[in-house]
Amino acid sequence: MIITVASNKGGVGKSTSAVHVAAFFSARGPTLLIDGDLNRSALQWAKPGKLPFEVCDIDEGVMLSRKYEHVIIDTPARPTAAELAKLAKGCDLLIVPSTPDALSIGPLLEMCKQLKGRNYKILLTLIPPKPNQSGADARKAIAKAKLPLFETGIRRLECFKKAALAGVPVADVKGDSMAGIAASCYQKVGEEILSND
């Protein structure tokens, strides 16, 4: 399976999502994460060598990908409409992460117009805790636009930062009571992907 993670904004948890989707699939077969992001966030995350899958840059990915059952691609932020169409065409599923704030949802809805007829799904990330209603409001706006949306959302939790610093998936973060909850969010996302396959 080839899964691409792309967003029209930076800072929406795109690389975090790519790392954790790769972690989910690594338990189901050999998995490669190709880091095409200009910031090289996934490669930085992988430096300690503790991730359960291989991470490479886009140039190495061309050769390595044929050896893996699952390939996850982390793309540069802000693709053009033409780039987005190519990304969606070249994978089994395009995951589009977005934060639930009003300034992100408008551009997200505009971006999704370019994806009509493609296999993609929106993933709400960095959802603030209640009583903040931005997550629920974003879900309503996306539902009203009749766009595909993961049932599971990703909560805004500090343990994701700890995971990146330690070079591990969030499930392996020690001493943080929220790490299990954070890991379960991506576990549910992975299960949704498999159930729609």
Protein backbone atom coordinates (compact mmCIF):
# COMPACT_ATOMS: atom_id res chain seq x y z
CA MET A 1 0.00 0.00 0.00
CA ILE A 2 1.21 3.51 -0.82
CA ILE A 3 -0.05 6.29 1.44
CA THR A 4 0.85 9.93 0.86
CA VAL A 5 0.47 12.66 3.49
CA ALA A 6 0.06 16.17 2.07
CA SER A 7 -1.19 19.53 3.30
CA ASN A 8 -1.54 23.04 1.97
CA LYS A 9 -0.25 24.44 5.28
CA GLY A 10 2.75 23.84 7.47
CA GLY A 11 2.44 23.11 11.19
CA VAL A 12 -0.55 20.77 10.89
CA GLY A 13 1.12 17.57 12.10
CA LYS A 14 1.88 16.27 8.61
CA SER A 15 5.22 14.66 9.47
CA THR A 16 3.91 13.45 12.84
CA SER A 17 1.06 11.77 10.99
CA ALA A 18 3.41 10.22 8.43
CA VAL A 19 5.62 8.79 11.20
CA HIS A 20 2.70 7.31 13.10
CA VAL A 21 0.92 5.88 10.07
CA ALA A 22 4.26 4.25 9.16
CA ALA A 23 4.54 2.90 12.73
CA PHE A 24 1.05 1.40 12.43
CA PHE A 25 1.84 -0.33 9.14
CA SER A 26 5.27 -1.51 10.28
CA ALA A 27 3.49 -3.98 12.57
CA ARG A 28 1.80 -5.40 9.47
CA GLY A 29 4.75 -5.76 7.12
CA PRO A 30 7.99 -4.14 5.94
CA THR A 31 7.40 -0.36 5.84
CA LEU A 32 9.34 2.54 4.34
CA LEU A 33 8.75 6.21 5.12
CA ILE A 34 9.97 8.49 2.35
CA ASP A 35 10.72 11.99 3.63
CA GLY A 36 10.03 14.46 0.84
CA ASP A 37 9.44 17.39 3.19
CA LEU A 38 11.95 20.20 2.76
CA ASN A 39 12.38 20.38 6.57
CA ARG A 40 13.39 16.69 6.67
CA SER A 41 11.36 16.24 9.84
CA ALA A 42 10.95 12.47 9.51
CA LEU A 43 14.67 12.00 8.87
CA GLN A 44 15.40 14.06 11.99
CA TRP A 45 12.92 11.93 13.95
CA ALA A 46 14.67 8.79 12.71
CA LYS A 47 18.24 9.87 13.62
CA PRO A 48 18.40 7.96 16.94
CA GLY A 49 17.60 4.75 15.02
CA LYS A 50 14.69 3.72 17.24
CA LEU A 51 11.82 3.74 14.73
CA PRO A 52 10.39 0.33 13.71
CA PHE A 53 10.61 1.16 9.99
CA GLU A 54 13.15 2.62 7.58
CA VAL A 55 13.18 6.32 6.71
CA CYS A 56 14.90 7.71 3.61
CA ASP A 57 14.89 10.81 1.46
CA ILE A 58 12.98 11.10 -1.80
CA ASP A 59 15.98 10.18 -3.98
CA GLU A 60 16.68 6.94 -2.11
CA GLY A 61 12.96 6.17 -1.98
CA VAL A 62 12.76 5.59 -5.71
CA MET A 63 15.07 2.58 -5.45
CA LEU A 64 14.13 1.34 -1.99
CA SER A 65 10.35 1.43 -2.27
CA ARG A 66 10.07 -1.75 -4.33
CA LYS A 67 11.47 -3.75 -1.37
CA TYR A 68 8.63 -2.76 0.98
CA GLU A 69 5.06 -3.87 1.43
CA HIS A 70 3.96 -0.44 2.71
CA VAL A 71 5.31 2.94 1.61
CA ILE A 72 4.36 6.16 3.38
CA ILE A 73 5.34 9.44 1.73
CA ASP A 74 5.72 12.71 3.65
CA THR A 75 5.50 15.52 1.10
CA PRO A 76 6.57 19.16 1.06
CA ALA A 77 3.94 21.53 2.47
CA ARG A 78 1.83 23.68 0.16
CA PRO A 79 1.75 21.65 -3.06
CA THR A 80 0.35 23.37 -6.14
CA ALA A 81 -2.93 22.13 -7.60
CA ALA A 82 -1.03 20.21 -10.28
CA GLU A 83 1.33 18.64 -7.71
CA LEU A 84 -1.61 17.70 -5.52
CA ALA A 85 -3.36 15.95 -8.41
CA LYS A 86 -0.17 13.97 -9.15
CA LEU A 87 0.27 13.04 -5.49
CA ALA A 88 -3.30 11.78 -5.26
CA LYS A 89 -3.02 9.83 -8.50
CA GLY A 90 0.19 8.09 -7.46
CA CYS A 91 -1.01 6.51 -4.19
CA ASP A 92 -3.67 4.25 -2.73
CA LEU A 93 -4.74 6.91 -0.23
CA LEU A 94 -3.91 10.58 0.24
CA ILE A 95 -4.17 11.74 3.86
CA VAL A 96 -4.77 15.47 4.22
CA PRO A 97 -4.05 16.61 7.81
CA SER A 98 -5.50 19.90 9.00
CA THR A 99 -5.83 21.71 12.28
CA PRO A 100 -9.44 22.56 13.20
CA ASP A 101 -9.02 26.33 13.47
CA ALA A 102 -11.04 28.59 11.18
CA LEU A 103 -7.92 29.87 9.37
CA SER A 104 -7.07 26.30 8.31
CA ILE A 105 -10.52 24.98 7.39
CA GLY A 106 -11.19 27.54 4.65
CA PRO A 107 -7.98 26.77 2.71
CA LEU A 108 -8.54 23.04 3.35
CA LEU A 109 -11.99 23.14 1.73
CA GLU A 110 -10.51 25.03 -1.22
CA MET A 111 -7.67 22.49 -1.55
CA CYS A 112 -10.11 19.58 -1.56
CA LYS A 113 -11.81 20.95 -4.67
CA GLN A 114 -8.66 19.87 -6.53
CA LEU A 115 -9.11 16.31 -5.23
CA LYS A 116 -12.60 15.58 -6.54
CA GLY A 117 -12.78 11.97 -7.67
CA ARG A 118 -9.52 11.04 -5.90
CA ASN A 119 -9.05 8.65 -2.98
CA TYR A 120 -8.29 10.98 -0.09
CA LYS A 121 -9.37 11.55 3.49
CA ILE A 122 -9.04 14.54 5.82
CA LEU A 123 -7.42 13.99 9.22
CA LEU A 124 -8.09 16.60 11.90
CA THR A 125 -4.95 17.10 14.00
CA LEU A 126 -3.86 19.18 16.97
CA ILE A 127 -7.43 19.21 18.28
CA PRO A 128 -7.51 21.30 21.47
CA PRO A 129 -9.11 19.90 24.65
CA LYS A 130 -12.65 20.72 25.69
CA PRO A 131 -14.31 23.10 26.35
CA ASN A 132 -12.77 24.39 23.09
CA GLN A 133 -15.24 23.57 20.31
CA SER A 134 -13.02 24.07 17.26
CA GLY A 135 -12.73 20.31 16.63
CA ALA A 136 -16.52 19.85 16.60
CA ASP A 137 -17.00 23.00 14.51
CA ALA A 138 -14.45 21.80 11.94
CA ARG A 139 -16.19 18.42 11.71
CA LYS A 140 -19.49 20.17 11.00
CA ALA A 141 -17.95 22.35 8.27
CA ILE A 142 -16.30 19.34 6.59
CA ALA A 143 -19.50 17.27 6.84
CA LYS A 144 -21.50 20.15 5.35
CA ALA A 145 -19.06 20.24 2.42
CA LYS A 146 -19.55 16.44 2.08
CA LEU A 147 -15.82 15.71 2.16
CA PRO A 148 -14.27 12.43 3.38
CA LEU A 149 -13.08 12.68 6.97
CA PHE A 150 -11.47 10.22 9.37
CA GLU A 151 -13.79 9.47 12.29
CA THR A 152 -10.76 9.65 14.55
CA GLY A 153 -9.07 12.96 15.25
CA ILE A 154 -5.62 13.56 16.70
CA ARG A 155 -5.54 15.42 19.99
CA ARG A 156 -3.06 18.21 20.71
CA LEU A 157 -0.74 16.51 23.21
CA GLU A 158 2.78 17.36 24.36
CA CYS A 159 3.84 13.72 24.21
CA PHE A 160 4.10 13.97 20.41
CA LYS A 161 6.92 16.51 20.87
CA LYS A 162 8.59 14.20 23.37
CA ALA A 163 8.34 11.35 20.86
CA ALA A 164 10.03 13.44 18.15
CA LEU A 165 12.83 14.47 20.52
CA ALA A 166 13.40 10.86 21.61
CA GLY A 167 13.19 9.54 18.05
CA VAL A 168 10.42 7.05 18.85
CA PRO A 169 6.73 6.56 18.05
CA VAL A 170 4.56 8.17 20.73
CA ALA A 171 3.61 4.72 22.06
CA ASP A 172 7.23 4.36 23.23
CA VAL A 173 7.37 7.63 25.18
CA LYS A 174 8.17 6.84 28.82
CA GLY A 175 6.78 8.66 31.84
CA ASP A 176 3.90 10.45 30.08
CA SER A 177 0.42 9.31 31.04
CA MET A 178 -1.01 10.67 27.77
CA ALA A 179 1.29 8.69 25.47
CA GLY A 180 -1.07 5.70 25.36
CA ILE A 181 -4.00 7.94 24.46
CA ALA A 182 -1.94 9.63 21.74
CA ALA A 183 -0.88 6.27 20.32
CA SER A 184 -4.47 5.01 20.31
CA CYS A 185 -5.50 7.94 18.09
CA TYR A 186 -3.17 6.81 15.31
CA GLN A 187 -4.01 3.16 15.94
CA LYS A 188 -7.64 4.02 15.16
CA VAL A 189 -6.60 5.99 12.06
CA GLY A 190 -4.68 2.94 10.82
CA GLU A 191 -7.65 0.68 11.47
CA GLU A 192 -9.88 3.06 9.51
CA ILE A 193 -7.45 2.92 6.60
CA LEU A 194 -7.51 -0.88 6.61
CA SER A 195 -11.29 -1.04 6.93
CA ASN A 196 -11.68 1.13 3.82
CA ASP A 197 -9.07 -0.76 1.80
